[in-house]
Amino acid sequence: MSGLEGINPKEFIANFFTSFMGDLVRGDEDPAMVVDRYHTPDIVQVADGNLMDRAKLIAHTRPARKHQTGARWEVHEAIADGDRIAARYTLHFQTAKREGSVDVHFFGQFAADGRMRRAHMLTRSVPVKASGAAPAEVSSEPEAPGRRSLPA
């Protein structure tokens, strides 16, 4: 892939996170190998002011493998410019103990092979509805057939 030209950015970002989390949670592969498949070695993620390099990202993924039982990314809007994507999405997640949703404002840069190089995210928890209803159809599977697979 030569940049993100001609790729639907909403579909790309949903597929990226769905594939990454699916490989991480459903597989028995070392989390470092999964992180490296989806991120460049010099990855830098800043989420709500907290910086994560490759080592911190790997450490952060280990609890997800143990506790995550489902996740779904609802991408509201996304735009690509060259190797960069800006997106606004809601992550609906499920663990053995709870379910919830987080709104995310994402600004990222991707390598030519589709791996994430940089990401800056601002997040906020979405309040639980008064009814206490869980997010609908929370799963780690892609939402629609025909999604592009990311490079392996």
N, C-alpha and C. Protein backbone atom coordinates (compact mmCIF):
# COMPACT_ATOMS: atom_id res chain seq x y z
N MET A 1 0.85 -1.16 0.00
CA MET A 1 0.00 0.00 0.00
C MET A 1 0.90 1.23 0.00
N SER A 2 0.61 2.17 -0.85
CA SER A 2 1.39 3.40 -0.91
C SER A 2 0.58 4.53 -0.29
N GLY A 3 0.66 4.67 0.99
CA GLY A 3 -0.13 5.66 1.69
C GLY A 3 -1.57 5.20 1.81
N LEU A 4 -2.44 6.12 2.09
CA LEU A 4 -3.85 5.79 2.30
C LEU A 4 -4.73 6.28 1.16
N GLU A 5 -4.12 6.71 0.05
CA GLU A 5 -4.90 7.20 -1.10
C GLU A 5 -5.81 6.09 -1.60
N GLY A 6 -7.05 6.44 -1.88
CA GLY A 6 -7.99 5.49 -2.46
C GLY A 6 -8.58 4.49 -1.47
N ILE A 7 -8.25 4.62 -0.20
CA ILE A 7 -8.77 3.71 0.82
C ILE A 7 -9.81 4.47 1.64
N ASN A 8 -10.94 3.82 1.92
CA ASN A 8 -11.95 4.43 2.77
C ASN A 8 -11.38 4.52 4.18
N PRO A 9 -11.12 5.74 4.69
CA PRO A 9 -10.48 5.86 6.00
C PRO A 9 -11.33 5.31 7.16
N LYS A 10 -12.66 5.42 7.05
CA LYS A 10 -13.52 4.86 8.10
C LYS A 10 -13.35 3.35 8.16
N GLU A 11 -13.35 2.72 7.01
CA GLU A 11 -13.21 1.28 6.94
C GLU A 11 -11.80 0.85 7.39
N PHE A 12 -10.79 1.60 6.95
CA PHE A 12 -9.41 1.27 7.32
C PHE A 12 -9.22 1.29 8.83
N ILE A 13 -9.66 2.35 9.49
CA ILE A 13 -9.42 2.48 10.92
C ILE A 13 -10.22 1.46 11.71
N ALA A 14 -11.46 1.19 11.31
CA ALA A 14 -12.26 0.16 11.98
C ALA A 14 -11.61 -1.20 11.79
N ASN A 15 -11.15 -1.50 10.59
CA ASN A 15 -10.52 -2.78 10.31
C ASN A 15 -9.19 -2.92 11.06
N PHE A 16 -8.42 -1.83 11.14
CA PHE A 16 -7.14 -1.86 11.84
C PHE A 16 -7.35 -2.28 13.30
N PHE A 17 -8.21 -1.56 14.00
CA PHE A 17 -8.40 -1.85 15.42
C PHE A 17 -9.10 -3.18 15.65
N THR A 18 -10.08 -3.52 14.83
CA THR A 18 -10.78 -4.80 14.97
C THR A 18 -9.81 -5.97 14.75
N SER A 19 -8.99 -5.88 13.72
CA SER A 19 -8.03 -6.95 13.43
C SER A 19 -6.97 -7.05 14.52
N PHE A 20 -6.44 -5.91 14.95
CA PHE A 20 -5.42 -5.91 16.00
C PHE A 20 -5.96 -6.54 17.28
N MET A 21 -7.12 -6.08 17.73
CA MET A 21 -7.67 -6.62 18.98
C MET A 21 -8.08 -8.08 18.81
N GLY A 22 -8.61 -8.44 17.67
CA GLY A 22 -8.98 -9.84 17.42
C GLY A 22 -7.77 -10.75 17.49
N ASP A 23 -6.68 -10.36 16.82
CA ASP A 23 -5.45 -11.16 16.86
C ASP A 23 -4.90 -11.25 18.27
N LEU A 24 -4.99 -10.16 19.00
CA LEU A 24 -4.46 -10.12 20.36
C LEU A 24 -5.27 -10.99 21.30
N VAL A 25 -6.60 -10.87 21.24
CA VAL A 25 -7.47 -11.55 22.21
C VAL A 25 -7.72 -13.01 21.85
N ARG A 26 -7.95 -13.30 20.58
CA ARG A 26 -8.30 -14.66 20.19
C ARG A 26 -7.09 -15.56 19.97
N GLY A 27 -5.93 -14.98 19.76
CA GLY A 27 -4.75 -15.79 19.47
C GLY A 27 -3.97 -16.17 20.71
N ASP A 28 -3.03 -17.08 20.51
CA ASP A 28 -2.15 -17.45 21.62
C ASP A 28 -0.71 -17.02 21.33
N GLU A 29 -0.56 -16.20 20.31
CA GLU A 29 0.73 -15.67 19.90
C GLU A 29 1.24 -14.67 20.95
N ASP A 30 2.56 -14.57 21.09
CA ASP A 30 3.16 -13.61 22.00
C ASP A 30 2.63 -12.21 21.66
N PRO A 31 2.13 -11.46 22.66
CA PRO A 31 1.60 -10.12 22.39
C PRO A 31 2.61 -9.21 21.67
N ALA A 32 3.90 -9.37 21.93
CA ALA A 32 4.90 -8.55 21.24
C ALA A 32 4.86 -8.77 19.74
N MET A 33 4.63 -10.01 19.31
CA MET A 33 4.56 -10.30 17.88
C MET A 33 3.31 -9.65 17.26
N VAL A 34 2.21 -9.66 18.00
CA VAL A 34 0.98 -9.04 17.50
C VAL A 34 1.18 -7.53 17.41
N VAL A 35 1.74 -6.92 18.44
CA VAL A 35 2.01 -5.48 18.42
C VAL A 35 2.90 -5.13 17.23
N ASP A 36 3.94 -5.91 17.00
CA ASP A 36 4.87 -5.62 15.90
C ASP A 36 4.22 -5.79 14.52
N ARG A 37 3.24 -6.65 14.41
CA ARG A 37 2.55 -6.84 13.13
C ARG A 37 1.72 -5.60 12.78
N TYR A 38 1.23 -4.87 13.78
CA TYR A 38 0.34 -3.74 13.56
C TYR A 38 0.98 -2.37 13.82
N HIS A 39 2.18 -2.35 14.38
CA HIS A 39 2.84 -1.09 14.74
C HIS A 39 4.30 -1.13 14.32
N THR A 40 4.83 0.02 13.93
CA THR A 40 6.25 0.10 13.59
C THR A 40 7.07 0.03 14.88
N PRO A 41 8.36 -0.34 14.78
CA PRO A 41 9.20 -0.45 15.99
C PRO A 41 9.31 0.87 16.76
N ASP A 42 9.19 2.00 16.07
CA ASP A 42 9.31 3.30 16.72
C ASP A 42 7.95 3.90 17.11
N ILE A 43 6.94 3.04 17.27
CA ILE A 43 5.59 3.49 17.61
C ILE A 43 5.59 4.42 18.82
N VAL A 44 4.84 5.48 18.72
CA VAL A 44 4.60 6.38 19.85
C VAL A 44 3.10 6.65 19.87
N GLN A 45 2.46 6.31 20.97
CA GLN A 45 1.05 6.60 21.18
C GLN A 45 0.92 7.50 22.39
N VAL A 46 0.13 8.53 22.25
CA VAL A 46 -0.17 9.41 23.36
C VAL A 46 -1.68 9.40 23.52
N ALA A 47 -2.14 8.86 24.64
CA ALA A 47 -3.57 8.79 24.93
C ALA A 47 -3.84 9.59 26.20
N ASP A 48 -4.60 10.65 26.04
CA ASP A 48 -4.93 11.52 27.17
C ASP A 48 -3.68 11.98 27.92
N GLY A 49 -2.63 12.28 27.17
CA GLY A 49 -1.38 12.77 27.75
C GLY A 49 -0.42 11.70 28.22
N ASN A 50 -0.82 10.42 28.17
CA ASN A 50 0.05 9.33 28.61
C ASN A 50 0.77 8.74 27.41
N LEU A 51 2.09 8.82 27.42
CA LEU A 51 2.92 8.35 26.31
C LEU A 51 3.21 6.86 26.44
N MET A 52 3.04 6.14 25.33
CA MET A 52 3.39 4.72 25.29
C MET A 52 4.29 4.49 24.09
N ASP A 53 5.46 3.91 24.36
CA ASP A 53 6.33 3.45 23.29
C ASP A 53 6.03 1.97 23.08
N ARG A 54 6.84 1.28 22.29
CA ARG A 54 6.58 -0.13 21.98
C ARG A 54 6.49 -0.98 23.25
N ALA A 55 7.45 -0.83 24.16
CA ALA A 55 7.48 -1.65 25.38
C ALA A 55 6.24 -1.40 26.24
N LYS A 56 5.85 -0.15 26.40
CA LYS A 56 4.66 0.16 27.20
C LYS A 56 3.39 -0.33 26.51
N LEU A 57 3.35 -0.27 25.18
CA LEU A 57 2.19 -0.76 24.45
C LEU A 57 2.04 -2.27 24.63
N ILE A 58 3.13 -2.99 24.56
CA ILE A 58 3.09 -4.44 24.77
C ILE A 58 2.59 -4.74 26.18
N ALA A 59 3.12 -4.04 27.17
CA ALA A 59 2.68 -4.25 28.56
C ALA A 59 1.19 -3.92 28.70
N HIS A 60 0.73 -2.91 27.99
CA HIS A 60 -0.67 -2.48 28.06
C HIS A 60 -1.60 -3.53 27.43
N THR A 61 -1.11 -4.28 26.45
CA THR A 61 -1.95 -5.26 25.77
C THR A 61 -2.14 -6.54 26.57
N ARG A 62 -1.23 -6.85 27.46
CA ARG A 62 -1.32 -8.12 28.20
C ARG A 62 -2.62 -8.24 29.01
N PRO A 63 -3.04 -7.21 29.75
CA PRO A 63 -4.32 -7.32 30.46
C PRO A 63 -5.52 -7.46 29.52
N ALA A 64 -5.45 -6.81 28.35
CA ALA A 64 -6.56 -6.92 27.39
C ALA A 64 -6.75 -8.37 26.97
N ARG A 65 -5.65 -9.08 26.79
CA ARG A 65 -5.74 -10.49 26.39
C ARG A 65 -6.46 -11.30 27.46
N LYS A 66 -6.22 -10.99 28.71
CA LYS A 66 -6.83 -11.75 29.80
C LYS A 66 -8.29 -11.38 30.04
N HIS A 67 -8.63 -10.10 29.87
CA HIS A 67 -9.94 -9.62 30.32
C HIS A 67 -10.94 -9.28 29.23
N GLN A 68 -10.46 -8.92 28.05
CA GLN A 68 -11.36 -8.49 26.97
C GLN A 68 -12.15 -9.67 26.44
N THR A 69 -13.46 -9.54 26.39
CA THR A 69 -14.29 -10.60 25.80
C THR A 69 -14.96 -10.13 24.52
N GLY A 70 -14.93 -8.84 24.25
CA GLY A 70 -15.51 -8.34 23.01
C GLY A 70 -15.24 -6.86 22.85
N ALA A 71 -15.22 -6.42 21.60
CA ALA A 71 -15.04 -5.00 21.30
C ALA A 71 -15.60 -4.72 19.92
N ARG A 72 -16.11 -3.50 19.77
CA ARG A 72 -16.64 -3.06 18.48
C ARG A 72 -16.32 -1.58 18.33
N TRP A 73 -15.82 -1.22 17.15
CA TRP A 73 -15.49 0.16 16.84
C TRP A 73 -16.55 0.74 15.94
N GLU A 74 -17.19 1.79 16.39
CA GLU A 74 -18.21 2.50 15.62
C GLU A 74 -17.57 3.81 15.14
N VAL A 75 -17.11 3.82 13.90
CA VAL A 75 -16.41 4.98 13.37
C VAL A 75 -17.45 5.97 12.83
N HIS A 76 -17.49 7.14 13.43
CA HIS A 76 -18.48 8.15 13.07
C HIS A 76 -18.02 8.96 11.86
N GLU A 77 -16.73 9.28 11.84
CA GLU A 77 -16.18 10.00 10.70
C GLU A 77 -14.67 9.82 10.70
N ALA A 78 -14.10 9.87 9.50
CA ALA A 78 -12.65 9.74 9.36
C ALA A 78 -12.24 10.39 8.05
N ILE A 79 -11.05 10.94 8.06
CA ILE A 79 -10.50 11.56 6.87
C ILE A 79 -9.02 11.21 6.78
N ALA A 80 -8.56 10.97 5.56
CA ALA A 80 -7.15 10.62 5.35
C ALA A 80 -6.49 11.70 4.50
N ASP A 81 -5.22 11.94 4.79
CA ASP A 81 -4.40 12.86 4.00
C ASP A 81 -3.01 12.26 3.96
N GLY A 82 -2.65 11.68 2.82
CA GLY A 82 -1.36 11.02 2.71
C GLY A 82 -1.31 9.83 3.65
N ASP A 83 -0.35 9.83 4.58
CA ASP A 83 -0.18 8.71 5.51
C ASP A 83 -0.86 8.95 6.86
N ARG A 84 -1.72 9.95 6.92
CA ARG A 84 -2.35 10.32 8.19
C ARG A 84 -3.87 10.14 8.13
N ILE A 85 -4.42 9.76 9.28
CA ILE A 85 -5.88 9.63 9.43
C ILE A 85 -6.30 10.37 10.69
N ALA A 86 -7.38 11.12 10.56
CA ALA A 86 -8.06 11.70 11.72
C ALA A 86 -9.42 11.04 11.76
N ALA A 87 -9.81 10.59 12.96
CA ALA A 87 -11.08 9.88 13.07
C ALA A 87 -11.73 10.19 14.41
N ARG A 88 -13.04 10.07 14.40
CA ARG A 88 -13.83 10.15 15.64
C ARG A 88 -14.64 8.86 15.68
N TYR A 89 -14.42 8.09 16.77
CA TYR A 89 -15.12 6.81 16.87
C TYR A 89 -15.49 6.53 18.31
N THR A 90 -16.37 5.54 18.47
CA THR A 90 -16.73 5.06 19.80
C THR A 90 -16.31 3.60 19.88
N LEU A 91 -15.55 3.30 20.91
CA LEU A 91 -15.16 1.92 21.20
C LEU A 91 -16.15 1.37 22.22
N HIS A 92 -16.85 0.31 21.84
CA HIS A 92 -17.74 -0.40 22.76
C HIS A 92 -16.99 -1.66 23.18
N PHE A 93 -16.83 -1.85 24.47
CA PHE A 93 -16.03 -3.00 24.93
C PHE A 93 -16.78 -3.82 25.96
N GLN A 94 -16.31 -5.03 26.11
CA GLN A 94 -16.89 -5.95 27.08
C GLN A 94 -15.75 -6.74 27.72
N THR A 95 -15.78 -6.82 29.04
CA THR A 95 -14.86 -7.68 29.78
C THR A 95 -15.71 -8.65 30.59
N ALA A 96 -15.05 -9.54 31.29
CA ALA A 96 -15.79 -10.50 32.12
C ALA A 96 -16.58 -9.78 33.22
N LYS A 97 -16.12 -8.59 33.61
CA LYS A 97 -16.75 -7.89 34.73
C LYS A 97 -17.63 -6.71 34.34
N ARG A 98 -17.41 -6.14 33.15
CA ARG A 98 -18.20 -4.95 32.82
C ARG A 98 -18.23 -4.71 31.32
N GLU A 99 -19.15 -3.82 30.94
CA GLU A 99 -19.28 -3.36 29.56
C GLU A 99 -19.26 -1.84 29.60
N GLY A 100 -18.78 -1.24 28.53
CA GLY A 100 -18.77 0.21 28.48
C GLY A 100 -18.45 0.72 27.10
N SER A 101 -18.41 2.03 27.01
CA SER A 101 -18.11 2.69 25.74
C SER A 101 -17.22 3.89 26.01
N VAL A 102 -16.34 4.17 25.04
CA VAL A 102 -15.42 5.29 25.14
C VAL A 102 -15.43 6.02 23.80
N ASP A 103 -15.67 7.33 23.84
CA ASP A 103 -15.53 8.15 22.64
C ASP A 103 -14.06 8.49 22.46
N VAL A 104 -13.58 8.42 21.21
CA VAL A 104 -12.17 8.66 20.92
C VAL A 104 -12.04 9.63 19.76
N HIS A 105 -11.16 10.60 19.92
CA HIS A 105 -10.74 11.49 18.84
C HIS A 105 -9.30 11.07 18.54
N PHE A 106 -9.08 10.55 17.34
CA PHE A 106 -7.83 9.88 16.97
C PHE A 106 -7.14 10.65 15.84
N PHE A 107 -5.84 10.86 16.01
CA PHE A 107 -5.01 11.43 14.96
C PHE A 107 -3.81 10.51 14.83
N GLY A 108 -3.66 9.86 13.66
CA GLY A 108 -2.61 8.87 13.52
C GLY A 108 -1.85 8.98 12.22
N GLN A 109 -0.66 8.40 12.24
CA GLN A 109 0.19 8.30 11.05
C GLN A 109 0.52 6.83 10.86
N PHE A 110 0.46 6.37 9.60
CA PHE A 110 0.68 4.98 9.28
C PHE A 110 1.82 4.83 8.28
N ALA A 111 2.56 3.73 8.41
CA ALA A 111 3.64 3.41 7.46
C ALA A 111 3.01 2.92 6.16
N ALA A 112 3.80 2.86 5.11
CA ALA A 112 3.32 2.41 3.80
C ALA A 112 2.74 1.01 3.85
N ASP A 113 3.19 0.17 4.80
CA ASP A 113 2.69 -1.21 4.90
C ASP A 113 1.43 -1.32 5.76
N GLY A 114 0.89 -0.19 6.22
CA GLY A 114 -0.35 -0.19 6.99
C GLY A 114 -0.16 -0.26 8.49
N ARG A 115 1.08 -0.32 8.97
CA ARG A 115 1.30 -0.35 10.41
C ARG A 115 1.27 1.07 10.98
N MET A 116 0.78 1.17 12.22
CA MET A 116 0.69 2.47 12.88
C MET A 116 2.07 2.92 13.34
N ARG A 117 2.37 4.19 13.03
CA ARG A 117 3.65 4.78 13.44
C ARG A 117 3.48 5.75 14.61
N ARG A 118 2.44 6.55 14.56
CA ARG A 118 2.17 7.55 15.60
C ARG A 118 0.67 7.62 15.83
N ALA A 119 0.27 7.90 17.07
CA ALA A 119 -1.14 8.09 17.38
C ALA A 119 -1.28 9.04 18.56
N HIS A 120 -2.21 9.94 18.43
CA HIS A 120 -2.59 10.83 19.52
C HIS A 120 -4.09 10.67 19.68
N MET A 121 -4.52 10.38 20.91
CA MET A 121 -5.93 10.11 21.17
C MET A 121 -6.40 10.90 22.38
N LEU A 122 -7.58 11.46 22.24
CA LEU A 122 -8.28 12.06 23.36
C LEU A 122 -9.54 11.23 23.57
N THR A 123 -9.78 10.83 24.82
CA THR A 123 -10.89 9.92 25.09
C THR A 123 -11.78 10.47 26.20
N ARG A 124 -13.01 9.96 26.20
CA ARG A 124 -13.92 10.21 27.33
C ARG A 124 -14.85 9.02 27.43
N SER A 125 -15.11 8.60 28.65
CA SER A 125 -16.06 7.52 28.88
C SER A 125 -17.46 8.00 28.56
N VAL A 126 -18.22 7.14 27.91
CA VAL A 126 -19.60 7.45 27.59
C VAL A 126 -20.43 7.00 28.78
N PRO A 127 -21.25 7.89 29.33
CA PRO A 127 -22.06 7.51 30.49
C PRO A 127 -22.99 6.34 30.15
N VAL A 128 -23.19 5.48 31.12
CA VAL A 128 -24.09 4.35 30.95
C VAL A 128 -25.51 4.90 30.91
N LYS A 129 -26.31 4.39 30.01
CA LYS A 129 -27.71 4.82 29.87
C LYS A 129 -28.46 4.51 31.17
N ALA A 130 -29.48 5.29 31.46
CA ALA A 130 -30.27 5.11 32.67
C ALA A 130 -30.87 3.71 32.74
N SER A 131 -31.13 3.12 31.58
CA SER A 131 -31.71 1.77 31.57
C SER A 131 -30.69 0.71 31.94
N GLY A 132 -29.40 1.10 31.90
CA GLY A 132 -28.34 0.13 32.20
C GLY A 132 -28.08 -0.82 31.06
N ALA A 133 -28.64 -0.52 29.89
CA ALA A 133 -28.48 -1.41 28.74
C ALA A 133 -27.04 -1.43 28.27
N ALA A 134 -26.57 -2.60 27.92
CA ALA A 134 -25.21 -2.77 27.41
C ALA A 134 -25.16 -2.36 25.96
N PRO A 135 -23.97 -2.05 25.46
CA PRO A 135 -23.85 -1.74 24.04
C PRO A 135 -24.33 -2.92 23.20
N ALA A 136 -25.00 -2.63 22.11
CA ALA A 136 -25.54 -3.69 21.25
C ALA A 136 -24.44 -4.41 20.50
N GLU A 137 -24.60 -5.71 20.36
CA GLU A 137 -23.75 -6.55 19.53
C GLU A 137 -22.26 -6.29 19.71
N VAL A 138 -21.78 -6.43 20.91
CA VAL A 138 -20.35 -6.24 21.16
C VAL A 138 -19.64 -7.53 20.77
N SER A 139 -18.73 -7.42 19.80
CA SER A 139 -17.96 -8.58 19.39
C SER A 139 -16.64 -8.13 18.82
N SER A 140 -15.71 -9.06 18.70
CA SER A 140 -14.41 -8.75 18.13
C SER A 140 -14.40 -8.99 16.63
N GLU A 141 -15.52 -9.40 16.07
CA GLU A 141 -15.58 -9.69 14.64
C GLU A 141 -15.81 -8.40 13.86
N PRO A 142 -15.30 -8.29 12.63
CA PRO A 142 -15.59 -7.12 11.80
C PRO A 142 -17.09 -6.97 11.61
N GLU A 143 -17.56 -5.72 11.49
CA GLU A 143 -18.98 -5.46 11.39
C GLU A 143 -19.57 -5.83 10.04
N ALA A 144 -18.79 -5.72 8.99
CA ALA A 144 -19.35 -5.95 7.67
C ALA A 144 -18.45 -6.87 6.86
N PRO A 145 -19.03 -7.75 6.04
CA PRO A 145 -18.21 -8.59 5.19
C PRO A 145 -17.51 -7.75 4.15
N GLY A 146 -16.41 -8.27 3.63
CA GLY A 146 -15.69 -7.60 2.56
C GLY A 146 -14.70 -6.57 3.02
N ARG A 147 -14.42 -6.49 4.28
CA ARG A 147 -13.41 -5.55 4.76
C ARG A 147 -12.04 -6.00 4.29
N ARG A 148 -11.20 -5.03 3.99
CA ARG A 148 -9.84 -5.32 3.59
C ARG A 148 -9.07 -5.85 4.78
N SER A 149 -8.27 -6.88 4.56
CA SER A 149 -7.39 -7.36 5.60
C SER A 149 -6.15 -6.48 5.64
N LEU A 150 -5.61 -6.31 6.82
CA LEU A 150 -4.37 -5.58 6.96
C LEU A 150 -3.20 -6.48 6.62
N PRO A 151 -2.07 -5.91 6.27
CA PRO A 151 -0.91 -6.74 5.96
C PRO A 151 -0.51 -7.60 7.15
N ALA A 152 -0.11 -8.83 6.87
CA ALA A 152 0.32 -9.74 7.94
C ALA A 152 1.80 -9.57 8.20
